[in-house]
Amino acid sequence: MGKGLPTPLEFKLMNSVMRMTRKKIVVHTLMHEIRHWAQIATPVRLNGYTGAFHDFLFSPVLGGEIPRQEARA
């Protein structure tokens, strides 16, 4: 892969053509999803649900496992 500026991709949206790099698409997607998680969390909290730990990394969604350490006496 050569050095230099990333090659933008072109997308047609309605009557416009948008050009953006893959990196910009990934960053936009992640930020957009964070916004939706916040939109969901707000009414949930306003309705009194406090739950335990609100972190996607520790959520069972999409698999994965975080090993828990045994408590020491």
C-alpha atoms as a PDB file:
ATOM      1  CA  MET A   1       0.000   0.000   0.000  1.00  0.00           C
ATOM      2  CA  GLY A   2       1.467   3.337  -0.990  1.00  0.00           C
ATOM      3  CA  LYS A   3       1.849   6.369   1.171  1.00  0.00           C
ATOM      4  CA  GLY A   4      -0.146   9.515   0.684  1.00  0.00           C
ATOM      5  CA  LEU A   5      -3.732  10.537   1.135  1.00  0.00           C
ATOM      6  CA  PRO A   6      -6.382   7.822   1.567  1.00  0.00           C
ATOM      7  CA  THR A   7      -8.570   7.251  -1.469  1.00  0.00           C
ATOM      8  CA  PRO A   8     -12.098   8.497  -0.810  1.00  0.00           C
ATOM      9  CA  LEU A   9     -15.150   6.440  -1.688  1.00  0.00           C
ATOM     10  CA  GLU A  10     -18.111   7.975  -3.491  1.00  0.00           C
ATOM     11  CA  PHE A  11     -21.753   7.532  -2.449  1.00  0.00           C
ATOM     12  CA  LYS A  12     -24.816   8.896  -4.165  1.00  0.00           C
ATOM     13  CA  LEU A  13     -27.393  10.263  -1.716  1.00  0.00           C
ATOM     14  CA  MET A  14     -30.511  11.594  -3.385  1.00  0.00           C
ATOM     15  CA  ASN A  15     -29.185  14.191  -5.850  1.00  0.00           C
ATOM     16  CA  SER A  16     -25.741  14.588  -4.287  1.00  0.00           C
ATOM     17  CA  VAL A  17     -22.503  12.662  -4.429  1.00  0.00           C
ATOM     18  CA  MET A  18     -20.584  12.387  -1.173  1.00  0.00           C
ATOM     19  CA  ARG A  19     -16.896  11.508  -1.001  1.00  0.00           C
ATOM     20  CA  MET A  20     -15.330  10.198   2.188  1.00  0.00           C
ATOM     21  CA  THR A  21     -12.513   7.951   3.350  1.00  0.00           C
ATOM     22  CA  ARG A  22     -13.006   4.564   4.989  1.00  0.00           C
ATOM     23  CA  LYS A  23     -11.610   6.004   8.223  1.00  0.00           C
ATOM     24  CA  LYS A  24     -14.237   8.760   8.240  1.00  0.00           C
ATOM     25  CA  ILE A  25     -17.002   6.201   7.621  1.00  0.00           C
ATOM     26  CA  VAL A  26     -15.831   4.071  10.573  1.00  0.00           C
ATOM     27  CA  VAL A  27     -15.542   7.067  12.924  1.00  0.00           C
ATOM     28  CA  HIS A  28     -18.969   8.339  11.844  1.00  0.00           C
ATOM     29  CA  THR A  29     -20.555   4.908  12.404  1.00  0.00           C
ATOM     30  CA  LEU A  30     -19.067   4.559  15.892  1.00  0.00           C
ATOM     31  CA  MET A  31     -20.074   8.083  16.927  1.00  0.00           C
ATOM     32  CA  HIS A  32     -23.561   7.586  15.504  1.00  0.00           C
ATOM     33  CA  GLU A  33     -24.026   4.376  17.510  1.00  0.00           C
ATOM     34  CA  ILE A  34     -22.815   6.088  20.693  1.00  0.00           C
ATOM     35  CA  ARG A  35     -25.476   8.726  20.145  1.00  0.00           C
ATOM     36  CA  HIS A  36     -28.186   6.073  19.831  1.00  0.00           C
ATOM     37  CA  TRP A  37     -27.032   4.289  22.996  1.00  0.00           C
ATOM     38  CA  ALA A  38     -27.314   7.638  24.828  1.00  0.00           C
ATOM     39  CA  GLN A  39     -30.782   8.238  23.369  1.00  0.00           C
ATOM     40  CA  ILE A  40     -31.909   4.852  24.675  1.00  0.00           C
ATOM     41  CA  ALA A  41     -30.250   5.279  28.084  1.00  0.00           C
ATOM     42  CA  THR A  42     -31.865   8.645  28.823  1.00  0.00           C
ATOM     43  CA  PRO A  43     -35.543   7.553  28.966  1.00  0.00           C
ATOM     44  CA  VAL A  44     -34.514   4.315  30.703  1.00  0.00           C
ATOM     45  CA  ARG A  45     -32.839   6.304  33.505  1.00  0.00           C
ATOM     46  CA  LEU A  46     -35.673   8.863  33.620  1.00  0.00           C
ATOM     47  CA  ASN A  47     -38.077   5.982  34.256  1.00  0.00           C
ATOM     48  CA  GLY A  48     -36.132   4.897  37.315  1.00  0.00           C
ATOM     49  CA  TYR A  49     -34.049   2.013  36.039  1.00  0.00           C
ATOM     50  CA  THR A  50     -30.594   2.281  37.534  1.00  0.00           C
ATOM     51  CA  GLY A  51     -29.310  -1.233  36.869  1.00  0.00           C
ATOM     52  CA  ALA A  52     -25.866  -2.377  37.760  1.00  0.00           C
ATOM     53  CA  PHE A  53     -23.059  -1.697  35.342  1.00  0.00           C
ATOM     54  CA  HIS A  54     -23.759   0.103  32.044  1.00  0.00           C
ATOM     55  CA  ASP A  55     -20.842  -0.675  29.798  1.00  0.00           C
ATOM     56  CA  PHE A  56     -21.022  -2.376  26.406  1.00  0.00           C
ATOM     57  CA  LEU A  57     -17.633  -4.014  26.912  1.00  0.00           C
ATOM     58  CA  PHE A  58     -18.967  -5.961  29.903  1.00  0.00           C
ATOM     59  CA  SER A  59     -22.327  -6.671  28.296  1.00  0.00           C
ATOM     60  CA  PRO A  60     -23.139 -10.180  27.045  1.00  0.00           C
ATOM     61  CA  VAL A  61     -24.285  -8.629  23.741  1.00  0.00           C
ATOM     62  CA  LEU A  62     -22.224  -9.908  20.765  1.00  0.00           C
ATOM     63  CA  GLY A  63     -20.473 -12.506  22.912  1.00  0.00           C
ATOM     64  CA  GLY A  64     -17.157 -12.398  24.663  1.00  0.00           C
ATOM     65  CA  GLU A  65     -16.359 -12.860  28.285  1.00  0.00           C
ATOM     66  CA  ILE A  66     -14.507 -10.872  30.937  1.00  0.00           C
ATOM     67  CA  PRO A  67     -12.967 -13.177  33.557  1.00  0.00           C
ATOM     68  CA  ARG A  68     -13.835 -12.180  37.101  1.00  0.00           C
ATOM     69  CA  GLN A  69     -11.258 -12.373  39.868  1.00  0.00           C
ATOM     70  CA  GLU A  70     -12.104 -14.297  42.996  1.00  0.00           C
ATOM     71  CA  ALA A  71     -12.508 -12.153  46.098  1.00  0.00           C
ATOM     72  CA  ARG A  72      -9.682 -12.725  48.585  1.00  0.00           C
ATOM     73  CA  ALA A  73     -10.415 -13.244  52.242  1.00  0.00           C
END
